[in-house]
Amino acid sequence: MEQILADIILFGCFILEVSILSFAEKRLWGTWYTPLNCLVLPFCFVLLIVLSMPQSLGFVPFYTPSLYIWMAGMFVMAVPSWLLAIGYRRHRTDLTIASPAPKRDKLLYVFCILLIIPFLFRIKGMMSSSLNMIGSDEFGEEFAVYGLFGHLLILLLACTIILFSCIRKNNRLLPILLIIAITFIVFLNQVKSWVIIPLIAGMISCLLTERMHLSLRVVSIIAVSGIVLFMGSYFFMFIIGNGADYNEHMGKYVLEHTYHYIASGILGMSEDVRMGIIEQPQPEILFAPFVNAVHAITGEPYISAINPDYLEISTNGLQDNVRTFFGTIYANSIDGFWIFVVTVISTMVYLVRIWAIQSQSIYILTMDAWFCALLAMGWFEYYFFHVTTFEIPAILILLYTVSHVSTRRKEVACLAS
């Protein structure tokens, strides 16, 4: 009874902190769609789902004290937000972001089509020559994980988010068709997160510019779309990849693994805390893209961000190696290093938010939405140790620089004439 009461009090404190921080974000930044809110509110939503899962599914119970990691992490992440917002408001009171569309949207459409065409030929070529069946993980890895097609796929991910800004009342069909085509190509790669995250980022960019308003209908569409995409990847793998016929066992397997995907990050962190953190701390993993960039120069072996430590989170033997955003940071930190990591990430994403407000550029808005989407998946994993996380911002900064230089030249030419 005492333990139940202690858990209720802890949950109450967690909800109270989330409420205070969320309303503070709205007050300081003038919008609900801040990086911290994009991280915390989806976590609360998924946590509610995990707590509501019936015991018949066989998942281990949630260990409530693991919430201390998120409670501490949320507060540390909020501090740079407060300081930057208060400081920036001294110079600018209007923090809204306009609804910019690409100045050369037709050129963007042509560019996307030119990127899609090589992938169509690659699909056709691999279907006739590859030993791996389309829809399988092996096919996805061979398809576009490494090399030229791996980098082209990153370009397509960036284009997906930008295309959302092209959707207008009088211009919907082509950008939507291109988004669907790109999503199908990314879907074949069989990396579920990179299918979902760009779509979330596109929606966040629409919410930030008030071209879309959050409602129960929108939340339901987002949640259902994510589940359908996830379940669809398994059905695609079984039916297309392995040539199997649909049966009750397959449906049960897919449903079970969908629940597993939803619960894995939160229950993985929960079990890790219950067992006293089983990982050996590796702080360098938290900055893996930058560490590997240095290793590429020095010739040292690359480090892998994949967690080798699996925990059972189900009586059915289901295991996972993900620990949520704050859980992964905490598990790989020594002493107070997690405070430094959270502070650095928070400062970075909020500086990007300020840049998006200041520049009113579609490319910086896209980068802002991209980081918010990565944080929105924080209930599952820490995505800042993937090179893709920073490769897309690098592309967007390059596009912004080219666009900015071009605009400046035109302004100088007009003044000269």
Protein backbone atom coordinates (compact mmCIF):
# COMPACT_ATOMS: atom_id res chain seq x y z
CA MET A 1 0.00 0.00 0.00
CA GLU A 2 2.84 2.39 0.89
CA GLN A 3 4.54 1.67 -2.45
CA ILE A 4 1.32 2.39 -4.37
CA LEU A 5 0.92 5.68 -2.50
CA ALA A 6 4.56 6.59 -3.21
CA ASP A 7 4.05 5.83 -6.92
CA ILE A 8 0.91 7.99 -7.05
CA ILE A 9 2.75 10.90 -5.41
CA LEU A 10 5.66 10.53 -7.83
CA PHE A 11 3.30 10.46 -10.83
CA GLY A 12 1.55 13.52 -9.46
CA CYS A 13 4.87 15.38 -9.14
CA PHE A 14 5.81 14.34 -12.67
CA ILE A 15 2.53 15.60 -14.14
CA LEU A 16 2.83 18.82 -12.14
CA GLU A 17 6.35 19.44 -13.46
CA VAL A 18 5.27 18.68 -17.05
CA SER A 19 2.36 21.12 -16.69
CA ILE A 20 4.50 23.93 -15.26
CA LEU A 21 7.26 23.52 -17.86
CA SER A 22 4.82 23.23 -20.76
CA PHE A 23 2.91 26.38 -19.82
CA ALA A 24 6.20 28.21 -19.22
CA GLU A 25 7.30 27.25 -22.73
CA LYS A 26 4.04 28.57 -24.18
CA ARG A 27 4.42 31.80 -22.23
CA LEU A 28 8.05 32.38 -23.19
CA TRP A 29 8.01 31.29 -26.85
CA GLY A 30 4.41 32.09 -27.80
CA THR A 31 3.70 28.55 -29.02
CA TRP A 32 3.12 25.07 -27.65
CA TYR A 33 5.42 23.59 -30.30
CA THR A 34 8.76 24.19 -28.63
CA PRO A 35 11.58 21.60 -28.53
CA LEU A 36 10.94 20.78 -24.87
CA ASN A 37 7.19 20.36 -25.37
CA CYS A 38 7.79 18.25 -28.48
CA LEU A 39 9.94 15.98 -26.31
CA VAL A 40 7.84 15.82 -23.16
CA LEU A 41 4.22 15.74 -24.32
CA PRO A 42 4.58 12.73 -26.69
CA PHE A 43 6.45 10.93 -23.89
CA CYS A 44 3.47 11.51 -21.57
CA PHE A 45 1.08 10.27 -24.26
CA VAL A 46 3.07 7.07 -24.87
CA LEU A 47 3.57 6.55 -21.12
CA LEU A 48 -0.21 6.64 -20.72
CA ILE A 49 -0.55 3.96 -23.43
CA VAL A 50 2.10 1.79 -21.75
CA LEU A 51 0.40 2.07 -18.37
CA SER A 52 -2.94 1.17 -19.99
CA MET A 53 -1.67 -2.00 -21.68
CA PRO A 54 -3.50 -5.09 -20.43
CA GLN A 55 -1.49 -7.58 -18.36
CA SER A 56 -2.44 -10.32 -20.83
CA LEU A 57 0.15 -8.92 -23.27
CA GLY A 58 2.85 -10.08 -20.86
CA PHE A 59 4.83 -6.83 -20.51
CA VAL A 60 6.71 -6.15 -17.30
CA PRO A 61 5.17 -3.48 -15.03
CA PHE A 62 6.52 0.04 -15.27
CA TYR A 63 9.05 0.93 -12.58
CA THR A 64 7.85 4.34 -11.38
CA PRO A 65 11.17 5.60 -9.87
CA SER A 66 12.63 5.61 -13.40
CA LEU A 67 10.63 8.84 -13.89
CA TYR A 68 13.24 10.64 -11.78
CA ILE A 69 15.54 10.56 -14.84
CA TRP A 70 12.97 12.41 -16.95
CA MET A 71 12.04 14.81 -14.17
CA ALA A 72 15.67 15.87 -13.75
CA GLY A 73 16.31 15.90 -17.51
CA MET A 74 13.27 18.07 -18.26
CA PHE A 75 14.34 20.70 -15.75
CA VAL A 76 17.93 20.85 -17.06
CA MET A 77 16.65 21.14 -20.64
CA ALA A 78 14.28 23.95 -19.63
CA VAL A 79 17.04 26.19 -18.23
CA PRO A 80 18.68 27.10 -21.60
CA SER A 81 15.18 27.60 -23.03
CA TRP A 82 14.33 30.14 -20.33
CA LEU A 83 17.63 32.00 -20.59
CA LEU A 84 17.55 32.22 -24.39
CA ALA A 85 13.87 33.19 -24.52
CA ILE A 86 14.25 35.94 -21.91
CA GLY A 87 17.40 37.24 -23.59
CA TYR A 88 15.93 37.17 -27.10
CA ARG A 89 12.68 38.86 -26.02
CA ARG A 90 14.70 41.95 -25.06
CA HIS A 91 15.45 42.45 -28.76
CA ARG A 92 12.29 41.03 -30.37
CA THR A 93 8.84 40.57 -28.92
CA ASP A 94 7.20 38.93 -31.95
CA LEU A 95 8.39 35.30 -31.94
CA THR A 96 6.05 34.01 -34.63
CA ILE A 97 7.38 32.26 -37.72
CA ALA A 98 5.83 33.18 -41.04
CA SER A 99 4.58 30.59 -43.50
CA PRO A 100 7.36 30.68 -46.11
CA ALA A 101 7.09 28.60 -49.25
CA PRO A 102 10.07 27.78 -51.48
CA LYS A 103 10.65 30.66 -53.90
CA ARG A 104 11.31 28.11 -56.61
CA ASP A 105 8.82 25.40 -55.68
CA LYS A 106 8.63 24.09 -59.26
CA LEU A 107 12.40 23.64 -59.22
CA LEU A 108 12.00 21.66 -55.96
CA TYR A 109 9.42 19.40 -57.62
CA VAL A 110 11.73 18.75 -60.56
CA PHE A 111 14.63 18.07 -58.17
CA CYS A 112 12.54 15.56 -56.19
CA ILE A 113 11.45 13.77 -59.37
CA LEU A 114 15.07 13.60 -60.55
CA LEU A 115 16.00 12.05 -57.19
CA ILE A 116 13.13 9.56 -57.30
CA ILE A 117 13.91 8.27 -60.81
CA PRO A 118 17.28 6.64 -59.91
CA PHE A 119 15.59 4.86 -56.99
CA LEU A 120 12.91 3.46 -59.30
CA PHE A 121 15.59 2.05 -61.58
CA ARG A 122 17.43 0.70 -58.55
CA ILE A 123 14.27 -1.04 -57.31
CA LYS A 124 13.71 -2.57 -60.73
CA GLY A 125 17.35 -3.67 -61.00
CA MET A 126 17.45 -5.18 -57.52
CA MET A 127 14.18 -7.05 -57.99
CA SER A 128 15.70 -8.86 -60.94
CA SER A 129 19.24 -9.36 -59.61
CA SER A 130 19.24 -9.24 -55.80
CA LEU A 131 19.20 -12.46 -53.81
CA ASN A 132 17.16 -10.64 -51.13
CA MET A 133 13.40 -10.28 -51.49
CA ILE A 134 11.89 -6.81 -51.64
CA GLY A 135 10.47 -5.92 -48.22
CA SER A 136 13.08 -7.85 -46.26
CA ASP A 137 15.60 -6.20 -43.91
CA GLU A 138 18.41 -7.53 -46.10
CA PHE A 139 16.89 -5.90 -49.18
CA GLY A 140 16.53 -2.62 -47.27
CA GLU A 141 20.16 -2.67 -46.16
CA GLU A 142 21.36 -3.36 -49.70
CA PHE A 143 18.89 -0.83 -51.15
CA ALA A 144 19.96 2.50 -49.65
CA VAL A 145 21.85 2.29 -46.36
CA TYR A 146 25.38 2.96 -47.61
CA GLY A 147 27.12 4.66 -50.50
CA LEU A 148 25.62 7.02 -53.08
CA PHE A 149 22.03 5.87 -52.61
CA GLY A 150 22.36 6.24 -48.84
CA HIS A 151 23.22 9.93 -49.26
CA LEU A 152 20.53 10.43 -51.90
CA LEU A 153 18.02 9.01 -49.44
CA ILE A 154 19.08 11.66 -46.91
CA LEU A 155 18.36 14.31 -49.54
CA LEU A 156 14.91 12.83 -50.04
CA LEU A 157 14.25 12.99 -46.29
CA ALA A 158 15.07 16.71 -46.30
CA CYS A 159 12.88 17.25 -49.37
CA THR A 160 9.96 15.50 -47.66
CA ILE A 161 9.89 18.07 -44.87
CA ILE A 162 10.25 21.03 -47.26
CA LEU A 163 7.42 19.68 -49.43
CA PHE A 164 5.01 20.13 -46.52
CA SER A 165 5.61 23.89 -46.81
CA CYS A 166 4.53 23.70 -50.47
CA ILE A 167 1.07 22.37 -49.63
CA ARG A 168 -1.35 25.25 -50.17
CA LYS A 169 -5.07 25.51 -50.91
CA ASN A 170 -4.37 25.99 -54.60
CA ASN A 171 -1.39 23.64 -54.72
CA ARG A 172 -1.87 20.34 -52.92
CA LEU A 173 -1.83 17.45 -55.36
CA LEU A 174 1.77 17.44 -56.60
CA PRO A 175 3.56 17.97 -53.25
CA ILE A 176 1.34 15.33 -51.60
CA LEU A 177 2.02 12.83 -54.40
CA LEU A 178 5.77 13.50 -54.09
CA ILE A 179 5.61 13.00 -50.30
CA ILE A 180 3.83 9.66 -50.82
CA ALA A 181 6.39 8.57 -53.45
CA ILE A 182 9.34 9.49 -51.23
CA THR A 183 7.76 7.81 -48.20
CA PHE A 184 7.38 4.59 -50.22
CA ILE A 185 11.07 4.70 -51.19
CA VAL A 186 12.13 5.28 -47.58
CA PHE A 187 9.68 2.55 -46.54
CA LEU A 188 11.60 0.05 -48.69
CA ASN A 189 14.69 0.84 -46.65
CA GLN A 190 12.90 -0.84 -43.71
CA VAL A 191 14.15 1.67 -41.10
CA LYS A 192 10.87 2.61 -39.48
CA SER A 193 12.06 5.72 -37.64
CA TRP A 194 13.31 7.41 -40.82
CA VAL A 195 9.90 6.84 -42.38
CA ILE A 196 8.02 8.41 -39.48
CA ILE A 197 10.31 11.27 -38.36
CA PRO A 198 10.30 13.34 -41.61
CA LEU A 199 6.49 13.15 -41.69
CA ILE A 200 6.31 14.33 -38.08
CA ALA A 201 8.77 17.13 -38.93
CA GLY A 202 6.62 18.22 -41.88
CA MET A 203 3.55 18.39 -39.66
CA ILE A 204 5.46 20.34 -36.99
CA SER A 205 6.54 22.89 -39.61
CA CYS A 206 2.84 23.33 -40.51
CA LEU A 207 1.90 23.70 -36.84
CA LEU A 208 4.66 26.25 -36.20
CA THR A 209 3.49 28.42 -39.09
CA GLU A 210 -0.18 27.92 -38.11
CA ARG A 211 -1.10 26.32 -41.44
CA MET A 212 -2.31 23.40 -39.35
CA HIS A 213 -3.93 23.51 -35.92
CA LEU A 214 -3.61 20.72 -33.40
CA SER A 215 -6.89 18.99 -32.58
CA LEU A 216 -8.05 15.58 -31.47
CA ARG A 217 -8.58 14.74 -35.13
CA VAL A 218 -5.01 15.72 -36.07
CA VAL A 219 -3.53 13.84 -33.08
CA SER A 220 -5.58 10.76 -34.01
CA ILE A 221 -4.44 10.96 -37.64
CA ILE A 222 -0.78 11.24 -36.57
CA ALA A 223 -1.04 8.36 -34.09
CA VAL A 224 -2.98 6.07 -36.46
CA SER A 225 -0.69 6.91 -39.40
CA GLY A 226 2.38 6.02 -37.34
CA ILE A 227 0.87 2.71 -36.24
CA VAL A 228 -0.30 1.87 -39.77
CA LEU A 229 3.16 2.61 -41.20
CA PHE A 230 4.79 0.47 -38.53
CA MET A 231 2.41 -2.46 -38.89
CA GLY A 232 2.51 -2.09 -42.67
CA SER A 233 6.28 -2.55 -42.67
CA TYR A 234 5.87 -5.96 -41.00
CA PHE A 235 3.06 -7.08 -43.30
CA PHE A 236 5.10 -5.87 -46.27
CA MET A 237 8.10 -7.87 -45.04
CA PHE A 238 6.06 -11.06 -44.53
CA ILE A 239 3.75 -10.96 -47.52
CA ILE A 240 5.96 -9.31 -50.15
CA GLY A 241 9.41 -10.08 -48.74
CA ASN A 242 8.85 -13.67 -47.70
CA GLY A 243 5.92 -14.56 -49.93
CA ALA A 244 3.78 -15.66 -46.99
CA ASP A 245 0.00 -15.71 -46.90
CA TYR A 246 -1.82 -13.72 -44.26
CA ASN A 247 -2.98 -15.78 -41.29
CA GLU A 248 -4.03 -15.30 -37.69
CA HIS A 249 -0.53 -16.05 -36.36
CA MET A 250 0.96 -13.34 -38.57
CA GLY A 251 -1.61 -10.81 -37.39
CA LYS A 252 -0.91 -11.66 -33.75
CA TYR A 253 2.85 -11.39 -34.33
CA VAL A 254 2.54 -7.95 -35.96
CA LEU A 255 0.21 -6.66 -33.23
CA GLU A 256 2.53 -7.95 -30.52
CA HIS A 257 5.56 -6.28 -32.11
CA THR A 258 3.62 -3.03 -32.54
CA TYR A 259 2.94 -2.97 -28.81
CA HIS A 260 6.59 -3.89 -28.26
CA TYR A 261 7.77 -0.94 -30.38
CA ILE A 262 5.53 1.48 -28.48
CA ALA A 263 6.58 0.19 -25.06
CA SER A 264 10.23 -0.65 -25.69
CA GLY A 265 11.85 2.70 -24.91
CA ILE A 266 9.90 3.42 -21.73
CA LEU A 267 9.97 -0.16 -20.39
CA GLY A 268 13.62 -0.51 -21.47
CA MET A 269 14.52 2.52 -19.34
CA SER A 270 12.26 1.26 -16.55
CA GLU A 271 13.92 -2.17 -16.39
CA ASP A 272 17.38 -0.62 -16.71
CA VAL A 273 16.76 1.58 -13.68
CA ARG A 274 15.17 -1.33 -11.78
CA MET A 275 18.36 -3.36 -12.37
CA GLY A 276 20.67 -0.50 -11.42
CA ILE A 277 21.75 0.53 -14.99
CA ILE A 278 23.44 -2.45 -16.67
CA GLU A 279 25.35 -0.47 -19.34
CA GLN A 280 29.00 0.44 -19.00
CA PRO A 281 28.98 4.25 -19.45
CA GLN A 282 30.35 5.35 -22.82
CA PRO A 283 30.01 9.15 -22.98
CA GLU A 284 31.60 9.34 -26.44
CA ILE A 285 28.60 7.45 -27.91
CA LEU A 286 26.39 10.45 -27.18
CA PHE A 287 28.44 12.45 -29.70
CA ALA A 288 29.12 9.52 -32.05
CA PRO A 289 28.81 11.45 -35.38
CA PHE A 290 31.50 13.92 -34.33
CA VAL A 291 33.73 11.30 -32.70
CA ASN A 292 33.55 9.17 -35.88
CA ALA A 293 34.37 12.21 -38.02
CA VAL A 294 37.58 12.62 -36.01
CA HIS A 295 38.28 8.88 -36.23
CA ALA A 296 37.88 9.06 -40.02
CA ILE A 297 40.80 11.51 -40.04
CA THR A 298 42.97 9.74 -37.47
CA GLY A 299 42.28 6.25 -38.82
CA GLU A 300 40.86 4.93 -35.55
CA PRO A 301 37.95 2.46 -35.70
CA TYR A 302 34.44 3.90 -35.74
CA ILE A 303 32.28 3.57 -32.64
CA SER A 304 28.80 2.08 -32.91
CA ALA A 305 25.81 3.78 -31.33
CA ILE A 306 23.88 0.51 -31.17
CA ASN A 307 23.37 -0.57 -27.58
CA PRO A 308 24.58 -4.20 -27.18
CA ASP A 309 22.77 -4.63 -23.86
CA TYR A 310 19.30 -6.14 -24.33
CA LEU A 311 16.71 -6.40 -21.59
CA GLU A 312 13.63 -8.60 -21.48
CA ILE A 313 10.52 -6.45 -21.15
CA SER A 314 7.99 -9.22 -21.70
CA THR A 315 7.26 -12.69 -20.37
CA ASN A 316 7.07 -13.70 -24.06
CA GLY A 317 10.81 -13.16 -24.37
CA LEU A 318 10.64 -9.82 -26.21
CA GLN A 319 13.85 -7.84 -25.70
CA ASP A 320 14.93 -4.32 -26.45
CA ASN A 321 18.05 -2.15 -26.34
CA VAL A 322 16.54 1.36 -26.38
CA ARG A 323 16.17 3.56 -23.30
CA THR A 324 14.37 6.78 -24.34
CA PHE A 325 16.07 10.16 -24.84
CA PHE A 326 17.01 10.96 -21.25
CA GLY A 327 17.46 7.29 -20.33
CA THR A 328 20.15 6.78 -22.97
CA ILE A 329 21.96 9.96 -21.96
CA TYR A 330 21.90 9.02 -18.28
CA ALA A 331 22.98 5.40 -18.87
CA ASN A 332 26.02 6.52 -20.89
CA SER A 333 27.13 9.34 -18.59
CA ILE A 334 29.67 9.42 -15.80
CA ASP A 335 28.86 11.51 -12.74
CA GLY A 336 27.15 14.71 -13.94
CA PHE A 337 28.11 14.46 -17.61
CA TRP A 338 24.43 14.00 -18.53
CA ILE A 339 23.79 17.60 -17.40
CA PHE A 340 26.40 18.83 -19.89
CA VAL A 341 24.92 16.74 -22.74
CA VAL A 342 21.34 17.86 -22.11
CA THR A 343 22.45 21.49 -21.80
CA VAL A 344 24.37 21.34 -25.10
CA ILE A 345 21.46 19.76 -26.99
CA SER A 346 18.93 22.15 -25.46
CA THR A 347 21.06 25.19 -26.29
CA MET A 348 21.55 23.96 -29.86
CA VAL A 349 17.87 23.33 -30.62
CA TYR A 350 16.72 26.60 -29.06
CA LEU A 351 19.37 28.58 -30.95
CA VAL A 352 17.98 26.98 -34.13
CA ARG A 353 14.50 28.12 -33.04
CA ILE A 354 15.80 31.69 -32.65
CA TRP A 355 17.49 31.44 -36.05
CA ALA A 356 14.20 30.28 -37.60
CA ILE A 357 12.36 33.25 -36.08
CA GLN A 358 15.07 35.71 -37.06
CA SER A 359 15.62 34.47 -40.61
CA GLN A 360 12.02 33.56 -41.51
CA SER A 361 13.64 31.06 -43.89
CA ILE A 362 11.98 27.86 -45.00
CA TYR A 363 15.29 26.01 -44.69
CA ILE A 364 15.92 27.02 -41.08
CA LEU A 365 12.25 26.37 -40.26
CA THR A 366 12.73 22.88 -41.72
CA MET A 367 15.82 22.35 -39.55
CA ASP A 368 13.89 23.52 -36.48
CA ALA A 369 11.03 21.11 -37.29
CA TRP A 370 13.54 18.29 -37.92
CA PHE A 371 15.08 18.65 -34.45
CA CYS A 372 11.63 18.89 -32.85
CA ALA A 373 10.57 15.69 -34.65
CA LEU A 374 13.68 13.87 -33.39
CA LEU A 375 12.82 14.99 -29.87
CA ALA A 376 9.20 13.94 -30.38
CA MET A 377 10.52 10.39 -30.76
CA GLY A 378 12.38 10.73 -27.46
CA TRP A 379 9.92 8.31 -25.83
CA PHE A 380 11.68 5.67 -27.92
CA GLU A 381 15.33 6.59 -28.36
CA TYR A 382 18.07 9.23 -28.33
CA TYR A 383 18.58 10.07 -32.01
CA PHE A 384 21.46 12.52 -31.69
CA PHE A 385 24.09 9.80 -32.03
CA HIS A 386 23.09 9.12 -35.67
CA VAL A 387 24.92 10.89 -38.49
CA THR A 388 21.60 11.42 -40.33
CA THR A 389 20.55 13.71 -37.48
CA PHE A 390 23.24 16.21 -38.49
CA GLU A 391 23.54 15.42 -42.20
CA ILE A 392 20.09 16.88 -42.93
CA PRO A 393 20.82 20.18 -41.08
CA ALA A 394 24.10 20.43 -43.03
CA ILE A 395 22.13 20.16 -46.30
CA LEU A 396 19.60 22.75 -45.10
CA ILE A 397 22.31 25.20 -44.02
CA LEU A 398 23.92 24.85 -47.45
CA LEU A 399 20.57 25.56 -49.14
CA TYR A 400 19.98 28.53 -46.85
CA THR A 401 23.43 29.94 -47.61
CA VAL A 402 22.93 29.62 -51.38
CA SER A 403 19.46 31.19 -51.13
CA HIS A 404 20.70 34.01 -48.87
CA VAL A 405 23.68 34.84 -51.11
CA SER A 406 21.42 34.83 -54.17
CA THR A 407 18.95 37.19 -52.49
CA ARG A 408 21.72 39.54 -51.38
CA ARG A 409 23.15 39.69 -54.91
CA LYS A 410 19.74 40.63 -56.30
CA GLU A 411 19.38 43.37 -53.67
CA VAL A 412 22.82 44.77 -54.54
CA ALA A 413 22.00 44.63 -58.25
CA CYS A 414 18.74 46.52 -57.67
CA LEU A 415 20.52 49.20 -55.65
CA ALA A 416 23.24 49.51 -58.31
CA SER A 417 20.67 50.02 -61.05
